[in-house]
Amino acid sequence: MEIGDGERRGGPLMSSKSPAGIKIYQGWRSLPLKLKLRSSLLKYLLRRKDYPLFSLNPSRGGLLKTYRIQKKAKMKKIVRLGGHFYHSLTLPRFPSKPYDRMVAKGGLNIAAAGTPWKGQVDVVILAVTRKCAYDCRHCYEKFNLSPEAGVSLGQWKRTVAELQDLGVGIITLSGGEPMLDFEAVVALLAGADKDLSEFHIHTSGHALTPEKAEALKEAGLSAVGVGLDDCDPRRHDSIRGYSGAFQEAVQAINILRKAGLMTYLNTCLTRDLVRPSRLEPFLDLARDLEVGIVRLLEPRPCGGYFGQSEEDLFTDVDRATVRNFFLKANSSSRFKNHPLVVYPAFFEAPENLGCLMAGLSQFHIDSLGNVEPCVFVPVTFGNIREESFSKIFVKMREAVPAPLRSRCPSLILADTIKAKHAQGIPLPIPYEEVREEWRKMGFLPHGKKYI
């Protein structure tokens, strides 16, 4: 049985609204906030020495180009929590020191990836634990999950320091389930410099308590992405391979909201959610749960879906359905009080920004220490337990000097990676094993060096 409106609005899923909770602004209601955001640009314009890569010039991928892309995506909403504003999941909250640092490194020049005008790495996801109680169908860490330890806390601390020196805007702690290595997560957060980067956690909601939420906030956590894949509890539980997963996710969202942490949803799309037009009821649920943002992720043939084909997972019809919903959800009056929706596949489509993996915008370090260009591309450029992260990063950037304007690399390389794995090569596949196939994708001109 699905959750009806009555159950969502007045039943056990909902608790009383908090006056200090997340607020969504769209249309004329967002104008004062937009004016405040834009007036802050004067600081960046006038202090050129402190913000050398801040640019308005669209030919440099500057802010005017960014506004055009934002307009195309109909991203008209602003999310507010207390005195901070969010209009993306790849930029730190505004105002904040990590936001200012991001601007100084060209982070607002989103169309300038791979050029000297964008030195910012937007997001790095660190799989800080191998432990998990769930058996999610889509888990990209499926082959690494284990009760045994992976990367040591000391190594993660050294890597976080290197990431901050590099200039990463948002460092996201994932897994596995971070709540199952809670003390290490808190120690990692507490030891990092929150003036340099913003910190998020991705969780299923499992094992989260009010006490843990408060401790995470005290340690410097800014935001939490909770995995929620359907508005039907039975379907979500089935996807997550855990009875009660839906209730745990909902309970976690309520706990996080009461703790004053920015909360968003990470949703791995399925045909069940997309084909019967269930996206609108799902977004209604997100509104009722008072989250700020919903991130819609397309399934990819990796991790738990490693053996499946592209057509089995998601079709062009599915993509068109989600694209139309994404544009409608962020601009229609029907959804004016609903969370902001982000759909990374829209922005990284060939006709827009292209693929921004490998540090052009984001990359991933798995729970065994492998540095991968994306959570969906099981190819490793090196392991932080065996060599310097900085050397690995340079090698990865040399392999991806500019955005790829074609199909998603996870789809292009899927058959090659499967064949290599069938030959006995463990996942993730070393980059050297797929070098020629990588070159054929078209973003590795001979002699091109990392900028």
Protein backbone atom coordinates (compact mmCIF):
# COMPACT_ATOMS: atom_id res chain seq x y z
CA MET A 1 0.00 0.00 0.00
CA GLU A 2 1.26 3.44 -0.88
CA ILE A 3 1.35 6.34 1.52
CA GLY A 4 -1.67 8.55 1.02
CA ASP A 5 -1.84 12.31 1.52
CA GLY A 6 -3.46 11.90 4.89
CA GLU A 7 -0.74 9.62 6.13
CA ARG A 8 2.01 11.97 4.92
CA ARG A 9 0.49 15.17 6.22
CA GLY A 10 -0.93 14.10 9.54
CA GLY A 11 0.43 10.66 10.28
CA PRO A 12 3.50 9.35 12.03
CA LEU A 13 5.86 10.40 9.24
CA MET A 14 5.44 14.05 10.08
CA SER A 15 6.40 15.97 13.17
CA SER A 16 5.53 19.58 13.94
CA LYS A 17 7.12 22.22 11.72
CA SER A 18 10.12 24.01 13.08
CA PRO A 19 10.09 27.80 12.62
CA ALA A 20 13.86 27.66 12.10
CA GLY A 21 13.59 24.92 9.49
CA ILE A 22 14.27 24.86 5.77
CA LYS A 23 12.43 27.41 3.65
CA ILE A 24 11.95 27.32 -0.13
CA TYR A 25 11.77 30.57 -2.13
CA GLN A 26 10.60 30.89 -5.72
CA GLY A 27 9.31 33.72 -7.92
CA TRP A 28 8.80 37.12 -6.32
CA ARG A 29 9.45 35.64 -2.86
CA SER A 30 13.00 34.85 -3.89
CA LEU A 31 13.81 38.35 -5.18
CA PRO A 32 15.14 39.80 -1.88
CA LEU A 33 17.41 36.79 -1.46
CA LYS A 34 18.65 37.01 -5.05
CA LEU A 35 19.39 40.70 -4.58
CA LYS A 36 21.36 39.89 -1.45
CA LEU A 37 23.33 37.20 -3.30
CA ARG A 38 24.07 39.48 -6.25
CA SER A 39 25.01 42.47 -4.11
CA SER A 40 27.70 40.30 -2.57
CA LEU A 41 29.32 40.10 -5.99
CA LEU A 42 30.57 43.66 -5.50
CA LYS A 43 32.95 42.35 -2.85
CA TYR A 44 34.40 39.88 -5.33
CA LEU A 45 34.64 42.50 -8.08
CA LEU A 46 36.30 45.14 -5.94
CA ARG A 47 38.76 42.80 -4.21
CA ARG A 48 40.44 41.37 -7.29
CA LYS A 49 43.59 40.43 -5.39
CA ASP A 50 41.60 38.19 -3.05
CA TYR A 51 39.34 36.78 -5.79
CA PRO A 52 41.57 36.58 -8.87
CA LEU A 53 39.45 34.03 -10.77
CA PHE A 54 36.10 35.69 -10.24
CA SER A 55 34.83 36.65 -13.68
CA LEU A 56 31.66 37.92 -15.32
CA ASN A 57 32.98 37.28 -18.83
CA PRO A 58 30.96 34.50 -20.52
CA SER A 59 33.85 33.73 -22.90
CA ARG A 60 35.81 32.64 -19.81
CA GLY A 61 32.90 30.60 -18.50
CA GLY A 62 32.22 33.41 -16.05
CA LEU A 63 29.15 34.28 -14.05
CA LEU A 64 27.09 35.54 -16.99
CA LYS A 65 27.58 32.15 -18.67
CA THR A 66 26.63 30.45 -15.41
CA TYR A 67 23.41 32.47 -15.27
CA ARG A 68 22.55 31.37 -18.81
CA ILE A 69 22.98 27.72 -17.88
CA GLN A 70 20.96 28.24 -14.72
CA LYS A 71 18.18 29.85 -16.76
CA LYS A 72 18.18 26.94 -19.22
CA ALA A 73 17.77 24.55 -16.29
CA LYS A 74 15.01 26.76 -14.83
CA MET A 75 16.80 26.73 -11.48
CA LYS A 76 14.70 29.50 -9.95
CA LYS A 77 14.52 28.35 -6.36
CA ILE A 78 16.65 29.26 -3.37
CA VAL A 79 16.79 27.11 -0.24
CA ARG A 80 17.28 28.83 3.08
CA LEU A 81 18.25 27.39 6.45
CA GLY A 82 18.79 30.00 9.12
CA GLY A 83 21.15 32.61 7.75
CA HIS A 84 22.51 30.42 4.93
CA PHE A 85 21.34 29.95 1.34
CA TYR A 86 21.72 26.99 -1.03
CA HIS A 87 21.12 26.97 -4.77
CA SER A 88 23.19 23.91 -5.67
CA LEU A 89 24.74 20.76 -4.21
CA THR A 90 28.11 21.51 -5.80
CA LEU A 91 28.64 24.90 -4.14
CA PRO A 92 29.11 25.57 -0.42
CA ARG A 93 26.39 27.42 1.43
CA PHE A 94 26.31 31.21 1.22
CA PRO A 95 27.58 33.17 3.09
CA SER A 96 30.53 31.16 4.40
CA LYS A 97 34.31 31.07 4.23
CA PRO A 98 34.26 27.94 2.02
CA TYR A 99 31.97 29.84 -0.38
CA ASP A 100 34.41 32.76 -0.56
CA ARG A 101 37.31 30.39 -1.13
CA MET A 102 35.34 28.68 -3.88
CA VAL A 103 34.79 32.02 -5.62
CA ALA A 104 38.49 32.87 -5.33
CA LYS A 105 39.35 29.62 -7.11
CA GLY A 106 36.88 30.20 -9.95
CA GLY A 107 34.13 27.93 -8.70
CA LEU A 108 31.37 30.13 -10.12
CA ASN A 109 32.85 29.70 -13.60
CA ILE A 110 31.09 26.39 -14.04
CA ALA A 111 31.51 26.38 -17.84
CA ALA A 112 35.28 26.84 -17.57
CA ALA A 113 36.22 23.36 -16.33
CA GLY A 114 39.61 22.30 -17.67
CA THR A 115 40.80 25.88 -18.20
CA PRO A 116 42.88 28.22 -16.00
CA TRP A 117 39.64 30.02 -15.09
CA LYS A 118 38.39 27.18 -12.88
CA GLY A 119 40.85 25.89 -10.31
CA GLN A 120 38.08 24.67 -8.03
CA VAL A 121 37.21 21.02 -7.40
CA ASP A 122 33.58 21.18 -6.39
CA VAL A 123 32.89 17.86 -4.62
CA VAL A 124 34.88 14.83 -3.50
CA ILE A 125 33.10 11.77 -2.11
CA LEU A 126 35.09 9.72 0.39
CA ALA A 127 33.83 6.22 1.19
CA VAL A 128 35.12 6.32 4.76
CA THR A 129 33.77 2.91 5.82
CA ARG A 130 33.16 -0.51 4.30
CA LYS A 131 30.48 -1.37 6.86
CA CYS A 132 26.79 -1.45 5.93
CA ALA A 133 23.67 -3.25 7.17
CA TYR A 134 21.83 -2.80 3.86
CA ASP A 135 22.05 -4.64 0.53
CA CYS A 136 21.11 -1.86 -1.90
CA ARG A 137 20.57 -2.92 -5.51
CA HIS A 138 22.38 0.11 -6.88
CA CYS A 139 25.26 0.41 -4.39
CA TYR A 140 28.41 1.54 -6.21
CA GLU A 141 30.52 0.19 -3.31
CA LYS A 142 28.94 -3.27 -3.55
CA PHE A 143 32.25 -5.04 -4.25
CA ASN A 144 34.00 -3.35 -1.31
CA LEU A 145 31.48 -3.78 1.50
CA SER A 146 32.82 -5.74 4.47
CA PRO A 147 32.92 -5.56 8.28
CA GLU A 148 36.71 -5.35 7.93
CA ALA A 149 38.57 -2.04 7.99
CA GLY A 150 39.68 -0.28 4.84
CA VAL A 151 41.56 3.01 4.89
CA SER A 152 42.80 4.02 8.33
CA LEU A 153 41.53 7.13 10.09
CA GLY A 154 45.03 8.60 9.98
CA GLN A 155 45.22 8.14 6.22
CA TRP A 156 41.80 9.73 5.74
CA LYS A 157 42.89 12.71 7.85
CA ARG A 158 46.02 13.16 5.71
CA THR A 159 43.95 12.88 2.54
CA VAL A 160 41.39 15.42 3.73
CA ALA A 161 44.23 17.86 4.44
CA GLU A 162 45.56 17.32 0.90
CA LEU A 163 42.09 17.80 -0.57
CA GLN A 164 41.73 21.06 1.30
CA ASP A 165 45.13 22.24 0.09
CA LEU A 166 43.98 21.39 -3.44
CA GLY A 167 40.87 23.50 -2.98
CA VAL A 168 37.85 21.22 -2.66
CA GLY A 169 34.62 23.07 -1.87
CA ILE A 170 32.55 20.19 -0.46
CA ILE A 171 33.95 17.00 1.07
CA THR A 172 31.28 14.32 1.40
CA LEU A 173 31.72 11.36 3.75
CA SER A 174 29.98 8.26 2.50
CA GLY A 175 30.47 4.50 2.61
CA GLY A 176 29.10 1.95 3.30
CA GLU A 177 27.11 3.49 6.11
CA PRO A 178 29.02 6.27 7.95
CA MET A 179 26.88 5.88 11.06
CA LEU A 180 28.42 2.42 11.60
CA ASP A 181 31.87 4.00 11.98
CA PHE A 182 30.51 6.97 13.88
CA GLU A 183 33.44 7.74 16.19
CA ALA A 184 35.90 7.79 13.28
CA VAL A 185 33.57 10.05 11.27
CA VAL A 186 33.28 12.54 14.13
CA ALA A 187 37.05 12.50 14.62
CA LEU A 188 37.59 13.12 10.91
CA LEU A 189 35.14 16.02 10.92
CA ALA A 190 36.49 17.56 14.11
CA GLY A 191 40.06 17.49 12.84
CA ALA A 192 39.34 19.19 9.50
CA ASP A 193 39.40 22.91 8.74
CA LYS A 194 35.80 23.99 8.19
CA ASP A 195 36.94 27.39 6.93
CA LEU A 196 38.40 25.71 3.83
CA SER A 197 35.70 23.20 2.92
CA GLU A 198 32.11 22.38 3.72
CA PHE A 199 31.40 18.84 4.94
CA HIS A 200 28.42 16.62 4.05
CA ILE A 201 27.49 13.03 4.88
CA HIS A 202 25.57 10.54 2.72
CA THR A 203 23.58 8.05 4.79
CA SER A 204 20.70 5.61 4.50
CA GLY A 205 19.52 6.88 7.88
CA HIS A 206 20.42 3.59 9.53
CA ALA A 207 21.67 3.88 13.13
CA LEU A 208 21.24 7.67 13.25
CA THR A 209 20.06 9.04 16.60
CA PRO A 210 19.36 12.57 17.89
CA GLU A 211 22.55 12.36 19.95
CA LYS A 212 24.61 11.45 16.89
CA ALA A 213 23.06 14.25 14.84
CA GLU A 214 23.98 16.79 17.52
CA ALA A 215 27.51 15.43 17.77
CA LEU A 216 27.94 15.65 13.98
CA LYS A 217 26.74 19.24 13.96
CA GLU A 218 29.06 20.12 16.82
CA ALA A 219 31.96 18.55 14.90
CA GLY A 220 31.28 20.86 11.96
CA LEU A 221 28.93 18.98 9.63
CA SER A 222 26.90 21.29 7.36
CA ALA A 223 24.52 19.01 5.44
CA VAL A 224 23.31 15.44 5.10
CA GLY A 225 22.04 13.58 2.06
CA VAL A 226 19.63 10.79 2.99
CA GLY A 227 18.99 8.00 0.49
CA LEU A 228 15.30 7.73 -0.38
CA ASP A 229 14.39 5.94 -3.60
CA ASP A 230 10.58 5.71 -3.60
CA CYS A 231 7.49 7.04 -1.87
CA ASP A 232 6.20 3.47 -1.45
CA PRO A 233 7.80 1.98 1.69
CA ARG A 234 7.74 -1.56 0.32
CA ARG A 235 9.49 -0.61 -2.90
CA HIS A 236 12.11 1.44 -1.07
CA ASP A 237 12.76 -1.42 1.35
CA SER A 238 13.09 -3.81 -1.59
CA ILE A 239 15.57 -1.53 -3.37
CA ARG A 240 17.60 -1.16 -0.18
CA GLY A 241 17.48 -4.85 0.72
CA TYR A 242 16.45 -4.07 4.28
CA SER A 243 13.07 -4.32 5.98
CA GLY A 244 12.28 -0.98 7.62
CA ALA A 245 14.68 1.05 5.47
CA PHE A 246 11.95 3.53 4.53
CA GLN A 247 11.00 4.20 8.13
CA GLU A 248 14.67 4.60 9.09
CA ALA A 249 15.18 7.16 6.32
CA VAL A 250 12.11 9.16 7.33
CA GLN A 251 13.07 9.05 11.00
CA ALA A 252 16.59 10.23 10.14
CA ILE A 253 15.23 13.17 8.14
CA ASN A 254 13.13 14.29 11.09
CA ILE A 255 16.09 13.94 13.45
CA LEU A 256 18.37 15.94 11.16
CA ARG A 257 15.81 18.69 10.70
CA LYS A 258 15.39 19.06 14.46
CA ALA A 259 19.17 19.26 14.81
CA GLY A 260 19.21 22.19 12.36
CA LEU A 261 21.23 20.41 9.66
CA MET A 262 20.57 21.07 5.99
CA THR A 263 18.96 17.87 4.68
CA TYR A 264 18.51 16.67 1.12
CA LEU A 265 17.54 13.43 -0.64
CA ASN A 266 19.73 11.25 -2.83
CA THR A 267 17.41 9.29 -5.10
CA CYS A 268 18.60 6.58 -7.46
CA LEU A 269 15.99 6.54 -10.20
CA THR A 270 14.18 3.35 -11.17
CA ARG A 271 11.67 2.55 -13.86
CA ASP A 272 9.06 1.99 -11.16
CA LEU A 273 9.54 5.59 -10.00
CA VAL A 274 9.71 7.12 -13.49
CA ARG A 275 7.43 5.16 -15.81
CA PRO A 276 4.11 5.33 -13.91
CA SER A 277 4.59 9.08 -13.31
CA ARG A 278 5.35 8.57 -9.65
CA LEU A 279 7.81 11.45 -9.56
CA GLU A 280 5.18 14.01 -8.56
CA PRO A 281 3.96 12.03 -5.52
CA PHE A 282 7.59 11.45 -4.59
CA LEU A 283 8.29 15.19 -4.66
CA ASP A 284 5.14 15.77 -2.61
CA LEU A 285 6.58 13.45 0.03
CA ALA A 286 9.89 15.33 -0.07
CA ARG A 287 7.99 18.57 0.56
CA ASP A 288 6.13 17.05 3.49
CA LEU A 289 9.40 15.81 4.95
CA GLU A 290 10.76 19.38 4.70
CA VAL A 291 14.00 18.56 2.93
CA GLY A 292 15.69 21.34 0.98
CA ILE A 293 16.86 19.61 -2.19
CA VAL A 294 16.16 16.38 -4.08
CA ARG A 295 18.98 14.98 -6.20
CA LEU A 296 17.88 12.60 -8.97
CA LEU A 297 20.60 10.15 -10.03
CA GLU A 298 20.39 7.93 -13.10
CA PRO A 299 21.28 4.26 -12.53
CA ARG A 300 24.55 3.08 -14.06
CA PRO A 301 25.95 -0.42 -14.81
CA CYS A 302 28.37 -0.50 -11.89
CA GLY A 303 28.34 -1.81 -8.33
CA GLY A 304 25.11 -3.67 -7.69
CA TYR A 305 24.02 -3.06 -11.29
CA PHE A 306 27.35 -4.22 -12.74
CA GLY A 307 25.87 -7.08 -14.75
CA GLN A 308 22.97 -5.14 -16.24
CA SER A 309 22.75 -3.39 -19.59
CA GLU A 310 21.97 0.27 -20.17
CA GLU A 311 18.58 -0.60 -21.67
CA ASP A 312 17.71 -2.75 -18.66
CA LEU A 313 18.37 0.15 -16.31
CA PHE A 314 17.26 3.34 -18.03
CA THR A 315 16.12 4.28 -21.52
CA ASP A 316 16.03 7.50 -23.52
CA VAL A 317 12.29 7.65 -22.81
CA ASP A 318 13.04 7.52 -19.08
CA ARG A 319 15.61 10.30 -19.45
CA ALA A 320 13.16 12.50 -21.33
CA THR A 321 10.54 11.91 -18.62
CA VAL A 322 12.92 12.89 -15.84
CA ARG A 323 14.26 15.88 -17.79
CA ASN A 324 10.75 17.27 -18.29
CA PHE A 325 9.89 16.67 -14.65
CA PHE A 326 13.10 18.36 -13.48
CA LEU A 327 12.34 21.51 -15.49
CA LYS A 328 8.72 21.57 -14.34
CA ALA A 329 9.54 20.93 -10.68
CA ASN A 330 11.82 23.97 -10.49
CA SER A 331 9.59 26.44 -12.31
CA SER A 332 5.91 25.47 -12.06
CA SER A 333 3.61 27.11 -9.53
CA ARG A 334 2.38 23.57 -8.72
CA PHE A 335 5.73 22.97 -7.02
CA LYS A 336 6.48 26.43 -5.61
CA ASN A 337 6.66 25.10 -2.05
CA HIS A 338 8.56 21.95 -2.96
CA PRO A 339 12.29 21.30 -2.62
CA LEU A 340 14.74 22.36 -5.30
CA VAL A 341 15.38 19.45 -7.69
CA VAL A 342 18.84 18.84 -9.11
CA TYR A 343 19.46 16.40 -11.96
CA PRO A 344 23.20 16.06 -12.62
CA ALA A 345 22.66 14.21 -15.93
CA PHE A 346 20.99 17.34 -17.33
CA PHE A 347 23.97 19.58 -16.60
CA GLU A 348 26.54 17.01 -17.77
CA ALA A 349 24.76 16.25 -21.02
CA PRO A 350 26.93 16.82 -24.15
CA GLU A 351 24.89 19.86 -25.19
CA ASN A 352 25.36 21.52 -21.80
CA LEU A 353 28.54 21.24 -19.68
CA GLY A 354 29.67 17.75 -20.62
CA CYS A 355 30.99 15.15 -18.18
CA LEU A 356 32.82 16.82 -15.27
CA MET A 357 34.43 13.82 -13.65
CA ALA A 358 38.05 13.38 -12.48
CA GLY A 359 38.23 16.69 -10.65
CA LEU A 360 36.75 18.93 -13.33
CA SER A 361 33.93 19.12 -10.81
CA GLN A 362 33.98 15.92 -8.74
CA PHE A 363 35.66 12.57 -8.10
CA HIS A 364 35.56 9.63 -5.68
CA ILE A 365 37.88 7.75 -3.34
CA ASP A 366 36.50 4.32 -2.48
CA SER A 367 36.61 2.54 0.87
CA LEU A 368 39.83 0.72 -0.06
CA GLY A 369 41.59 3.95 -1.04
CA ASN A 370 41.23 3.79 -4.83
CA VAL A 371 41.01 7.20 -6.53
CA GLU A 372 38.26 7.00 -9.16
CA PRO A 373 37.05 9.71 -11.56
CA CYS A 374 33.41 9.18 -10.54
CA VAL A 375 31.41 6.88 -8.28
CA PHE A 376 29.94 5.32 -11.43
CA VAL A 377 33.26 4.65 -13.22
CA PRO A 378 35.11 1.76 -11.51
CA VAL A 379 38.54 2.70 -12.86
CA THR A 380 41.36 3.51 -10.45
CA PHE A 381 44.24 5.91 -11.05
CA GLY A 382 46.03 4.83 -7.88
CA ASN A 383 45.55 4.08 -4.20
CA ILE A 384 46.13 6.55 -1.37
CA ARG A 385 47.46 3.73 0.83
CA GLU A 386 50.25 3.09 -1.65
CA GLU A 387 51.24 6.43 -3.16
CA SER A 388 50.82 10.18 -2.77
CA PHE A 389 47.34 11.48 -3.47
CA SER A 390 48.79 14.54 -5.23
CA LYS A 391 50.63 12.31 -7.75
CA ILE A 392 47.48 10.26 -8.36
CA PHE A 393 45.44 13.41 -8.90
CA VAL A 394 47.85 14.80 -11.50
CA LYS A 395 47.73 11.49 -13.40
CA MET A 396 43.93 11.50 -13.33
CA ARG A 397 43.72 15.07 -14.55
CA GLU A 398 46.14 14.35 -17.39
CA ALA A 399 43.73 11.62 -18.48
CA VAL A 400 40.75 14.01 -18.27
CA PRO A 401 41.97 17.48 -19.26
CA ALA A 402 38.56 18.74 -20.42
CA PRO A 403 34.87 17.80 -20.23
CA LEU A 404 33.78 14.85 -22.32
CA ARG A 405 30.95 15.87 -24.63
CA SER A 406 29.48 12.48 -25.45
CA ARG A 407 27.67 9.67 -23.64
CA CYS A 408 28.42 9.00 -19.97
CA PRO A 409 31.84 7.29 -19.63
CA SER A 410 30.30 4.65 -17.35
CA LEU A 411 28.16 3.58 -20.32
CA ILE A 412 30.92 3.86 -22.93
CA LEU A 413 33.33 1.72 -20.89
CA ALA A 414 30.80 -0.73 -19.41
CA ASP A 415 31.51 -3.63 -21.80
CA THR A 416 35.28 -3.14 -21.59
CA ILE A 417 35.24 -3.10 -17.79
CA LYS A 418 33.05 -6.21 -17.69
CA ALA A 419 35.42 -8.02 -20.08
CA LYS A 420 38.47 -7.08 -18.01
CA HIS A 421 36.75 -8.24 -14.84
CA ALA A 422 35.80 -11.55 -16.51
CA GLN A 423 39.52 -12.03 -17.24
CA GLY A 424 40.19 -11.95 -13.50
CA ILE A 425 41.13 -8.30 -13.02
CA PRO A 426 39.54 -7.07 -9.77
CA LEU A 427 37.40 -3.96 -9.59
CA PRO A 428 38.11 -1.12 -9.85
CA ILE A 429 40.04 -1.73 -13.06
CA PRO A 430 43.47 -0.01 -13.18
CA TYR A 431 43.53 2.89 -15.64
CA GLU A 432 46.45 1.29 -17.48
CA GLU A 433 44.17 -1.62 -18.45
CA VAL A 434 41.71 0.66 -20.27
CA ARG A 435 44.09 3.37 -21.50
CA GLU A 436 43.41 2.84 -25.22
CA GLU A 437 39.64 2.69 -24.78
CA TRP A 438 39.93 5.80 -22.63
CA ARG A 439 41.78 7.69 -25.37
CA LYS A 440 39.10 6.80 -27.90
CA MET A 441 36.49 8.62 -25.82
CA GLY A 442 37.97 11.85 -27.15
CA PHE A 443 39.17 13.96 -24.23
CA LEU A 444 42.82 12.98 -24.14
CA PRO A 445 44.65 14.84 -26.93
CA HIS A 446 48.25 13.69 -27.23
CA GLY A 447 50.59 16.00 -25.35
CA LYS A 448 47.81 17.64 -23.38
CA LYS A 449 48.93 18.29 -19.82
CA TYR A 450 47.06 19.07 -16.65
CA ILE A 451 46.51 22.80 -16.14
